[in-house]
Amino acid sequence: MRVLGFNEPPSAGDEFRVTKDQATARTIGELRANSKRFREQRSTASVMGHVGAGAKLEDIFEQIQSGGTATLNLIVKADVQGSLEAVTESLRKLERDEVKLSFVHRAVGGITENDVQLAAASNATIIGFNVRPDRKSREAAERADVEIRTYEIIYKLLEDVESAIVGMLAPEFEEVITGEAEVRQIFTVPKIGAIAGCYVRSGVITRGSKVRFLRDGVIIWKGSITSLRRFKDDAREVAAGYECGIGLTNNQDLRPGDVIETFEEREIPRT
């Protein structure tokens, strides 16, 4: 038996019905297609209402607020059912705790105007594997500002989506010790307060750096350097092996032998 006239190939598990004439079949098919799109749009709207609007691959992704989850909405079209399932399963493996993928629609066949309309309604990106949009679909996507990405190599598809997911992740930081100075003597300056005469033991002490104030290895204060001097001159930084005078914010409890440790937070590249 041969069946003709599909707008797009059916999915595995779809029901096959027989009608008395072509007109009845077309009417039923259109009603079911419209009903399916409506359910998909409602389902997508529900997801978006819970986690916030999905993001396009071309967007500049904002940092995820504490405890929040970002969602990347996708419409996936492929040449055959086997490719569609392989692409979908590979994409699912890219999910992170902070970033989820929502498959708004998955189907076999070319990228159609209906796909573009659904993508516009759900703020989704259309991913095509071994398929292309026709001219009308491209024009509709341009009018609706819908992004269509097509691929013929699966690793390139996964690479792009993974890059998008990494871009959506909140940045991670590591703390880097930049300098360490030992307090040798305390000076009191009128209208300024206590100034620590220090010897820089390692690294570089920089004006404005974040600091920890250590006494016998115990952190007793955190703040920043407000002033830094070499002899009577202001200095931007003082390297290891030199002496300097250091003024600290909101702290006057300085003692010889205390250690001033400077540090900064650097972003860790995501992989």
C-alpha atoms as a PDB file:
ATOM      1  CA  MET A   1       0.000   0.000   0.000  1.00  0.00           C
ATOM      2  CA  ARG A   2       1.233   3.517  -0.823  1.00  0.00           C
ATOM      3  CA  VAL A   3       0.044   6.645   0.999  1.00  0.00           C
ATOM      4  CA  LEU A   4       0.423  10.098  -0.609  1.00  0.00           C
ATOM      5  CA  GLY A   5      -0.298  13.705   0.298  1.00  0.00           C
ATOM      6  CA  PHE A   6       1.399  14.218   3.685  1.00  0.00           C
ATOM      7  CA  ASN A   7       2.388  17.791   4.536  1.00  0.00           C
ATOM      8  CA  GLU A   8       5.036  16.268   6.797  1.00  0.00           C
ATOM      9  CA  PRO A   9       5.923  12.647   7.645  1.00  0.00           C
ATOM     10  CA  PRO A  10       4.020  11.120  10.589  1.00  0.00           C
ATOM     11  CA  SER A  11       5.746  10.217  13.843  1.00  0.00           C
ATOM     12  CA  ALA A  12       6.114   6.690  15.145  1.00  0.00           C
ATOM     13  CA  GLY A  13       2.963   5.684  17.020  1.00  0.00           C
ATOM     14  CA  ASP A  14       0.556   8.000  15.131  1.00  0.00           C
ATOM     15  CA  GLU A  15      -2.862   6.456  14.419  1.00  0.00           C
ATOM     16  CA  PHE A  16      -3.878   5.534  10.844  1.00  0.00           C
ATOM     17  CA  ARG A  17      -7.567   6.183  10.064  1.00  0.00           C
ATOM     18  CA  VAL A  18      -9.590   5.575   6.900  1.00  0.00           C
ATOM     19  CA  THR A  19     -12.401   7.948   5.748  1.00  0.00           C
ATOM     20  CA  LYS A  20     -15.009   7.665   3.022  1.00  0.00           C
ATOM     21  CA  ASP A  21     -13.532  10.486   0.886  1.00  0.00           C
ATOM     22  CA  GLN A  22     -10.551  12.834   0.540  1.00  0.00           C
ATOM     23  CA  ALA A  23     -12.401  15.971   1.689  1.00  0.00           C
ATOM     24  CA  THR A  24     -13.360  14.392   5.023  1.00  0.00           C
ATOM     25  CA  ALA A  25      -9.795  13.181   5.556  1.00  0.00           C
ATOM     26  CA  ARG A  26      -8.391  16.649   4.864  1.00  0.00           C
ATOM     27  CA  THR A  27     -10.839  18.321   7.281  1.00  0.00           C
ATOM     28  CA  ILE A  28     -10.078  15.870  10.075  1.00  0.00           C
ATOM     29  CA  GLY A  29      -6.350  16.203   9.457  1.00  0.00           C
ATOM     30  CA  GLU A  30      -6.463  19.992   9.650  1.00  0.00           C
ATOM     31  CA  LEU A  31      -8.525  19.952  12.841  1.00  0.00           C
ATOM     32  CA  ARG A  32      -6.123  17.543  14.493  1.00  0.00           C
ATOM     33  CA  ALA A  33      -3.074  19.519  13.378  1.00  0.00           C
ATOM     34  CA  ASN A  34      -4.534  22.735  14.784  1.00  0.00           C
ATOM     35  CA  SER A  35      -5.456  20.988  18.032  1.00  0.00           C
ATOM     36  CA  LYS A  36      -1.941  19.585  18.346  1.00  0.00           C
ATOM     37  CA  ARG A  37      -0.325  23.001  17.846  1.00  0.00           C
ATOM     38  CA  PHE A  38      -2.670  24.530  20.393  1.00  0.00           C
ATOM     39  CA  ARG A  39      -1.745  21.894  23.000  1.00  0.00           C
ATOM     40  CA  GLU A  40       1.940  22.388  22.308  1.00  0.00           C
ATOM     41  CA  GLN A  41       1.666  26.159  22.697  1.00  0.00           C
ATOM     42  CA  ARG A  42      -0.256  25.805  25.959  1.00  0.00           C
ATOM     43  CA  SER A  43       2.307  23.335  27.269  1.00  0.00           C
ATOM     44  CA  THR A  44       5.145  25.663  26.328  1.00  0.00           C
ATOM     45  CA  ALA A  45       3.446  28.658  27.910  1.00  0.00           C
ATOM     46  CA  SER A  46       3.072  26.672  31.133  1.00  0.00           C
ATOM     47  CA  VAL A  47       6.780  25.810  31.151  1.00  0.00           C
ATOM     48  CA  MET A  48       7.774  29.393  30.396  1.00  0.00           C
ATOM     49  CA  GLY A  49       5.572  30.698  33.181  1.00  0.00           C
ATOM     50  CA  HIS A  50       7.377  28.465  35.662  1.00  0.00           C
ATOM     51  CA  VAL A  51      11.007  29.110  34.756  1.00  0.00           C
ATOM     52  CA  GLY A  52      10.940  32.279  32.703  1.00  0.00           C
ATOM     53  CA  ALA A  53      11.084  32.740  28.956  1.00  0.00           C
ATOM     54  CA  GLY A  54      13.393  30.484  27.009  1.00  0.00           C
ATOM     55  CA  ALA A  55      16.480  31.915  25.359  1.00  0.00           C
ATOM     56  CA  LYS A  56      17.663  31.948  21.762  1.00  0.00           C
ATOM     57  CA  LEU A  57      21.159  30.815  20.856  1.00  0.00           C
ATOM     58  CA  GLU A  58      21.972  34.279  19.500  1.00  0.00           C
ATOM     59  CA  ASP A  59      21.058  36.040  22.768  1.00  0.00           C
ATOM     60  CA  ILE A  60      23.544  37.514  25.229  1.00  0.00           C
ATOM     61  CA  PHE A  61      22.669  35.365  28.207  1.00  0.00           C
ATOM     62  CA  GLU A  62      22.157  36.950  31.606  1.00  0.00           C
ATOM     63  CA  GLN A  63      23.480  35.405  34.777  1.00  0.00           C
ATOM     64  CA  ILE A  64      21.096  33.012  36.483  1.00  0.00           C
ATOM     65  CA  GLN A  65      19.926  34.345  39.812  1.00  0.00           C
ATOM     66  CA  SER A  66      20.524  32.246  42.891  1.00  0.00           C
ATOM     67  CA  GLY A  67      18.268  29.203  42.938  1.00  0.00           C
ATOM     68  CA  GLY A  68      16.860  29.914  39.464  1.00  0.00           C
ATOM     69  CA  THR A  69      16.861  27.744  36.354  1.00  0.00           C
ATOM     70  CA  ALA A  70      17.146  28.876  32.742  1.00  0.00           C
ATOM     71  CA  THR A  71      15.409  27.069  29.894  1.00  0.00           C
ATOM     72  CA  LEU A  72      16.505  26.858  26.271  1.00  0.00           C
ATOM     73  CA  ASN A  73      13.420  26.172  24.125  1.00  0.00           C
ATOM     74  CA  LEU A  74      14.050  24.121  20.979  1.00  0.00           C
ATOM     75  CA  ILE A  75      12.105  22.922  17.957  1.00  0.00           C
ATOM     76  CA  VAL A  76      13.975  20.006  16.373  1.00  0.00           C
ATOM     77  CA  LYS A  77      13.401  18.802  12.793  1.00  0.00           C
ATOM     78  CA  ALA A  78      15.359  15.989  11.136  1.00  0.00           C
ATOM     79  CA  ASP A  79      15.432  13.996   7.905  1.00  0.00           C
ATOM     80  CA  VAL A  80      14.432  10.619   9.375  1.00  0.00           C
ATOM     81  CA  GLN A  81      13.085   9.323  12.678  1.00  0.00           C
ATOM     82  CA  GLY A  82      16.393   7.699  13.593  1.00  0.00           C
ATOM     83  CA  SER A  83      18.253  10.989  13.205  1.00  0.00           C
ATOM     84  CA  LEU A  84      15.590  12.819  15.201  1.00  0.00           C
ATOM     85  CA  GLU A  85      15.898  10.432  18.145  1.00  0.00           C
ATOM     86  CA  ALA A  86      19.720  10.472  18.031  1.00  0.00           C
ATOM     87  CA  VAL A  87      19.844  14.278  18.002  1.00  0.00           C
ATOM     88  CA  THR A  88      17.286  14.538  20.804  1.00  0.00           C
ATOM     89  CA  GLU A  89      19.062  12.065  23.071  1.00  0.00           C
ATOM     90  CA  SER A  90      22.426  13.724  22.433  1.00  0.00           C
ATOM     91  CA  LEU A  91      20.971  17.124  23.279  1.00  0.00           C
ATOM     92  CA  ARG A  92      19.440  15.826  26.520  1.00  0.00           C
ATOM     93  CA  LYS A  93      22.923  14.822  27.698  1.00  0.00           C
ATOM     94  CA  LEU A  94      24.027  18.472  27.494  1.00  0.00           C
ATOM     95  CA  GLU A  95      21.606  19.633  30.201  1.00  0.00           C
ATOM     96  CA  ARG A  96      22.995  21.064  33.430  1.00  0.00           C
ATOM     97  CA  ASP A  97      21.365  21.602  36.811  1.00  0.00           C
ATOM     98  CA  GLU A  98      21.117  25.327  36.068  1.00  0.00           C
ATOM     99  CA  VAL A  99      20.074  25.060  32.407  1.00  0.00           C
ATOM    100  CA  LYS A 100      17.369  22.802  31.010  1.00  0.00           C
ATOM    101  CA  LEU A 101      16.293  22.061  27.448  1.00  0.00           C
ATOM    102  CA  SER A 102      12.596  22.195  26.567  1.00  0.00           C
ATOM    103  CA  PHE A 103      11.644  20.390  23.350  1.00  0.00           C
ATOM    104  CA  VAL A 104       8.668  22.414  22.215  1.00  0.00           C
ATOM    105  CA  HIS A 105       8.229  20.279  19.096  1.00  0.00           C
ATOM    106  CA  ARG A 106      10.094  17.393  17.437  1.00  0.00           C
ATOM    107  CA  ALA A 107       9.268  15.998  14.004  1.00  0.00           C
ATOM    108  CA  VAL A 108      10.612  14.526  10.783  1.00  0.00           C
ATOM    109  CA  GLY A 109      10.557  16.689   7.666  1.00  0.00           C
ATOM    110  CA  GLY A 110      11.534  20.086   6.365  1.00  0.00           C
ATOM    111  CA  ILE A 111      11.204  23.281   8.394  1.00  0.00           C
ATOM    112  CA  THR A 112       7.754  24.746   7.719  1.00  0.00           C
ATOM    113  CA  GLU A 113       5.893  27.994   8.338  1.00  0.00           C
ATOM    114  CA  ASN A 114       3.993  26.213  11.114  1.00  0.00           C
ATOM    115  CA  ASP A 115       7.336  25.520  12.852  1.00  0.00           C
ATOM    116  CA  VAL A 116       8.216  29.200  12.577  1.00  0.00           C
ATOM    117  CA  GLN A 117       4.862  30.261  14.035  1.00  0.00           C
ATOM    118  CA  LEU A 118       5.277  27.859  16.944  1.00  0.00           C
ATOM    119  CA  ALA A 119       8.833  29.074  17.548  1.00  0.00           C
ATOM    120  CA  ALA A 120       7.666  32.676  17.597  1.00  0.00           C
ATOM    121  CA  ALA A 121       4.906  31.848  20.104  1.00  0.00           C
ATOM    122  CA  SER A 122       7.273  29.933  22.419  1.00  0.00           C
ATOM    123  CA  ASN A 123      10.471  31.968  21.975  1.00  0.00           C
ATOM    124  CA  ALA A 124      12.228  28.877  20.676  1.00  0.00           C
ATOM    125  CA  THR A 125      15.175  28.252  18.364  1.00  0.00           C
ATOM    126  CA  ILE A 126      14.592  25.923  15.418  1.00  0.00           C
ATOM    127  CA  ILE A 127      17.262  23.244  14.970  1.00  0.00           C
ATOM    128  CA  GLY A 128      17.320  21.409  11.653  1.00  0.00           C
ATOM    129  CA  PHE A 129      19.405  18.298  10.985  1.00  0.00           C
ATOM    130  CA  ASN A 130      19.785  17.357   7.300  1.00  0.00           C
ATOM    131  CA  VAL A 131      16.697  19.475   6.515  1.00  0.00           C
ATOM    132  CA  ARG A 132      16.189  23.020   5.265  1.00  0.00           C
ATOM    133  CA  PRO A 133      13.476  25.685   5.429  1.00  0.00           C
ATOM    134  CA  ASP A 134      11.838  26.687   2.151  1.00  0.00           C
ATOM    135  CA  ARG A 135      11.669  30.294   0.959  1.00  0.00           C
ATOM    136  CA  LYS A 136       8.334  31.038   2.665  1.00  0.00           C
ATOM    137  CA  SER A 137       9.607  29.636   5.966  1.00  0.00           C
ATOM    138  CA  ARG A 138      12.769  31.722   5.773  1.00  0.00           C
ATOM    139  CA  GLU A 139      10.776  34.859   5.069  1.00  0.00           C
ATOM    140  CA  ALA A 140       8.370  34.097   7.935  1.00  0.00           C
ATOM    141  CA  ALA A 141      11.322  33.524  10.294  1.00  0.00           C
ATOM    142  CA  GLU A 142      12.844  36.855   9.306  1.00  0.00           C
ATOM    143  CA  ARG A 143       9.565  38.684   9.911  1.00  0.00           C
ATOM    144  CA  ALA A 144       9.046  36.996  13.304  1.00  0.00           C
ATOM    145  CA  ASP A 145      12.704  37.254  14.359  1.00  0.00           C
ATOM    146  CA  VAL A 146      12.904  33.471  14.774  1.00  0.00           C
ATOM    147  CA  GLU A 147      16.335  31.868  14.657  1.00  0.00           C
ATOM    148  CA  ILE A 148      16.782  28.827  12.424  1.00  0.00           C
ATOM    149  CA  ARG A 149      19.993  26.822  12.646  1.00  0.00           C
ATOM    150  CA  THR A 150      20.629  23.960  10.230  1.00  0.00           C
ATOM    151  CA  TYR A 151      23.321  21.305  10.434  1.00  0.00           C
ATOM    152  CA  GLU A 152      24.590  18.302   8.509  1.00  0.00           C
ATOM    153  CA  ILE A 153      27.174  17.236  11.097  1.00  0.00           C
ATOM    154  CA  ILE A 154      25.851  16.275  14.521  1.00  0.00           C
ATOM    155  CA  TYR A 155      28.973  17.222  16.511  1.00  0.00           C
ATOM    156  CA  LYS A 156      28.733  20.790  15.177  1.00  0.00           C
ATOM    157  CA  LEU A 157      25.082  20.948  16.252  1.00  0.00           C
ATOM    158  CA  LEU A 158      25.957  19.721  19.741  1.00  0.00           C
ATOM    159  CA  GLU A 159      28.951  22.061  19.963  1.00  0.00           C
ATOM    160  CA  ASP A 160      26.779  25.118  19.243  1.00  0.00           C
ATOM    161  CA  VAL A 161      24.058  24.149  21.710  1.00  0.00           C
ATOM    162  CA  GLU A 162      26.614  23.332  24.415  1.00  0.00           C
ATOM    163  CA  SER A 163      28.214  26.758  23.890  1.00  0.00           C
ATOM    164  CA  ALA A 164      24.790  28.348  24.341  1.00  0.00           C
ATOM    165  CA  ILE A 165      24.202  26.401  27.557  1.00  0.00           C
ATOM    166  CA  VAL A 166      27.619  27.360  28.934  1.00  0.00           C
ATOM    167  CA  GLY A 167      26.806  30.978  28.136  1.00  0.00           C
ATOM    168  CA  MET A 168      23.663  30.716  30.249  1.00  0.00           C
ATOM    169  CA  LEU A 169      25.465  29.412  33.323  1.00  0.00           C
ATOM    170  CA  ALA A 170      26.203  31.679  36.232  1.00  0.00           C
ATOM    171  CA  PRO A 171      29.954  32.382  36.295  1.00  0.00           C
ATOM    172  CA  GLU A 172      32.162  30.577  38.801  1.00  0.00           C
ATOM    173  CA  PHE A 173      35.015  32.335  40.556  1.00  0.00           C
ATOM    174  CA  GLU A 174      38.195  31.225  42.264  1.00  0.00           C
ATOM    175  CA  GLU A 175      40.135  33.185  44.844  1.00  0.00           C
ATOM    176  CA  VAL A 176      43.738  34.035  43.992  1.00  0.00           C
ATOM    177  CA  ILE A 177      46.215  35.298  46.624  1.00  0.00           C
ATOM    178  CA  THR A 178      48.051  38.284  45.106  1.00  0.00           C
ATOM    179  CA  GLY A 179      50.273  39.444  47.958  1.00  0.00           C
ATOM    180  CA  GLU A 180      51.280  39.021  51.596  1.00  0.00           C
ATOM    181  CA  ALA A 181      52.742  41.663  53.890  1.00  0.00           C
ATOM    182  CA  GLU A 182      53.901  41.405  57.510  1.00  0.00           C
ATOM    183  CA  VAL A 183      53.113  44.258  59.917  1.00  0.00           C
ATOM    184  CA  ARG A 184      56.378  45.460  61.463  1.00  0.00           C
ATOM    185  CA  GLN A 185      55.352  48.710  63.192  1.00  0.00           C
ATOM    186  CA  ILE A 186      52.227  50.828  63.804  1.00  0.00           C
ATOM    187  CA  PHE A 187      52.123  54.571  63.120  1.00  0.00           C
ATOM    188  CA  THR A 188      49.333  56.938  64.084  1.00  0.00           C
ATOM    189  CA  VAL A 189      48.586  59.728  61.618  1.00  0.00           C
ATOM    190  CA  PRO A 190      46.347  62.638  62.771  1.00  0.00           C
ATOM    191  CA  LYS A 191      42.874  62.628  61.081  1.00  0.00           C
ATOM    192  CA  ILE A 192      43.764  59.363  59.336  1.00  0.00           C
ATOM    193  CA  GLY A 193      44.338  56.845  62.102  1.00  0.00           C
ATOM    194  CA  ALA A 194      46.610  53.846  62.296  1.00  0.00           C
ATOM    195  CA  ILE A 195      48.973  53.037  59.449  1.00  0.00           C
ATOM    196  CA  ALA A 196      50.774  49.716  59.289  1.00  0.00           C
ATOM    197  CA  GLY A 197      54.454  49.826  58.429  1.00  0.00           C
ATOM    198  CA  CYS A 198      54.839  46.558  56.525  1.00  0.00           C
ATOM    199  CA  TYR A 199      57.339  44.367  54.719  1.00  0.00           C
ATOM    200  CA  VAL A 200      55.989  42.682  51.580  1.00  0.00           C
ATOM    201  CA  ARG A 201      56.895  39.003  51.894  1.00  0.00           C
ATOM    202  CA  SER A 202      55.419  37.716  48.608  1.00  0.00           C
ATOM    203  CA  GLY A 203      53.503  38.789  45.543  1.00  0.00           C
ATOM    204  CA  VAL A 204      52.439  42.403  45.014  1.00  0.00           C
ATOM    205  CA  ILE A 205      50.399  44.635  47.335  1.00  0.00           C
ATOM    206  CA  THR A 206      48.129  46.881  45.271  1.00  0.00           C
ATOM    207  CA  ARG A 207      46.131  49.897  46.403  1.00  0.00           C
ATOM    208  CA  GLY A 208      42.411  49.111  46.430  1.00  0.00           C
ATOM    209  CA  SER A 209      42.947  45.352  46.793  1.00  0.00           C
ATOM    210  CA  LYS A 210      40.663  43.217  48.913  1.00  0.00           C
ATOM    211  CA  VAL A 211      42.455  42.123  52.074  1.00  0.00           C
ATOM    212  CA  ARG A 212      42.262  39.670  54.941  1.00  0.00           C
ATOM    213  CA  PHE A 213      43.754  40.568  58.289  1.00  0.00           C
ATOM    214  CA  LEU A 214      45.392  37.518  59.913  1.00  0.00           C
ATOM    215  CA  ARG A 215      46.624  37.097  63.461  1.00  0.00           C
ATOM    216  CA  ASP A 216      48.282  33.759  64.286  1.00  0.00           C
ATOM    217  CA  GLY A 217      46.640  32.310  61.163  1.00  0.00           C
ATOM    218  CA  VAL A 218      43.125  33.364  62.195  1.00  0.00           C
ATOM    219  CA  ILE A 219      41.055  35.722  60.032  1.00  0.00           C
ATOM    220  CA  ILE A 220      39.910  38.575  62.248  1.00  0.00           C
ATOM    221  CA  TRP A 221      38.892  41.146  59.640  1.00  0.00           C
ATOM    222  CA  LYS A 222      38.223  41.705  55.940  1.00  0.00           C
ATOM    223  CA  GLY A 223      38.269  44.969  54.036  1.00  0.00           C
ATOM    224  CA  SER A 224      40.319  46.851  51.461  1.00  0.00           C
ATOM    225  CA  ILE A 225      43.472  48.923  51.228  1.00  0.00           C
ATOM    226  CA  THR A 226      42.663  52.656  51.337  1.00  0.00           C
ATOM    227  CA  SER A 227      46.212  54.002  51.113  1.00  0.00           C
ATOM    228  CA  LEU A 228      49.584  52.661  50.068  1.00  0.00           C
ATOM    229  CA  ARG A 229      52.880  54.524  50.426  1.00  0.00           C
ATOM    230  CA  ARG A 230      56.559  53.985  49.736  1.00  0.00           C
ATOM    231  CA  PHE A 231      58.292  56.329  52.158  1.00  0.00           C
ATOM    232  CA  LYS A 232      56.359  59.615  51.742  1.00  0.00           C
ATOM    233  CA  ASP A 233      55.103  58.956  48.208  1.00  0.00           C
ATOM    234  CA  ASP A 234      51.788  57.415  47.220  1.00  0.00           C
ATOM    235  CA  ALA A 235      52.232  54.122  45.401  1.00  0.00           C
ATOM    236  CA  ARG A 236      49.927  52.103  43.184  1.00  0.00           C
ATOM    237  CA  GLU A 237      51.647  48.848  44.082  1.00  0.00           C
ATOM    238  CA  VAL A 238      54.605  47.547  46.079  1.00  0.00           C
ATOM    239  CA  ALA A 239      56.381  44.310  45.165  1.00  0.00           C
ATOM    240  CA  ALA A 240      57.908  41.614  47.372  1.00  0.00           C
ATOM    241  CA  GLY A 241      61.107  42.587  49.166  1.00  0.00           C
ATOM    242  CA  TYR A 242      60.118  46.219  49.785  1.00  0.00           C
ATOM    243  CA  GLU A 243      58.686  48.109  52.748  1.00  0.00           C
ATOM    244  CA  CYS A 244      55.530  50.195  52.628  1.00  0.00           C
ATOM    245  CA  GLY A 245      52.848  51.894  54.678  1.00  0.00           C
ATOM    246  CA  ILE A 246      49.326  50.464  54.441  1.00  0.00           C
ATOM    247  CA  GLY A 247      46.063  52.054  55.576  1.00  0.00           C
ATOM    248  CA  LEU A 248      43.004  49.809  55.911  1.00  0.00           C
ATOM    249  CA  THR A 249      39.260  50.520  55.861  1.00  0.00           C
ATOM    250  CA  ASN A 250      37.402  50.493  59.176  1.00  0.00           C
ATOM    251  CA  ASN A 251      40.138  48.792  61.145  1.00  0.00           C
ATOM    252  CA  GLN A 252      42.529  50.282  63.693  1.00  0.00           C
ATOM    253  CA  ASP A 253      43.397  47.135  65.684  1.00  0.00           C
ATOM    254  CA  LEU A 254      46.819  46.543  64.166  1.00  0.00           C
ATOM    255  CA  ARG A 255      49.699  44.758  65.913  1.00  0.00           C
ATOM    256  CA  PRO A 256      53.280  43.911  64.920  1.00  0.00           C
ATOM    257  CA  GLY A 257      53.439  40.367  63.554  1.00  0.00           C
ATOM    258  CA  ASP A 258      49.977  40.501  61.983  1.00  0.00           C
ATOM    259  CA  VAL A 259      49.723  39.527  58.319  1.00  0.00           C
ATOM    260  CA  ILE A 260      47.872  41.444  55.619  1.00  0.00           C
ATOM    261  CA  GLU A 261      46.884  39.097  52.785  1.00  0.00           C
ATOM    262  CA  THR A 262      45.566  40.568  49.519  1.00  0.00           C
ATOM    263  CA  PHE A 263      43.412  38.581  47.112  1.00  0.00           C
ATOM    264  CA  GLU A 264      41.133  38.848  44.082  1.00  0.00           C
ATOM    265  CA  GLU A 265      38.391  36.736  42.551  1.00  0.00           C
ATOM    266  CA  ARG A 266      38.927  35.541  38.996  1.00  0.00           C
ATOM    267  CA  GLU A 267      36.290  33.964  36.776  1.00  0.00           C
ATOM    268  CA  ILE A 268      36.867  30.302  35.912  1.00  0.00           C
ATOM    269  CA  PRO A 269      36.308  29.584  32.199  1.00  0.00           C
ATOM    270  CA  ARG A 270      33.458  27.098  31.684  1.00  0.00           C
ATOM    271  CA  THR A 271      34.194  23.934  29.745  1.00  0.00           C
END
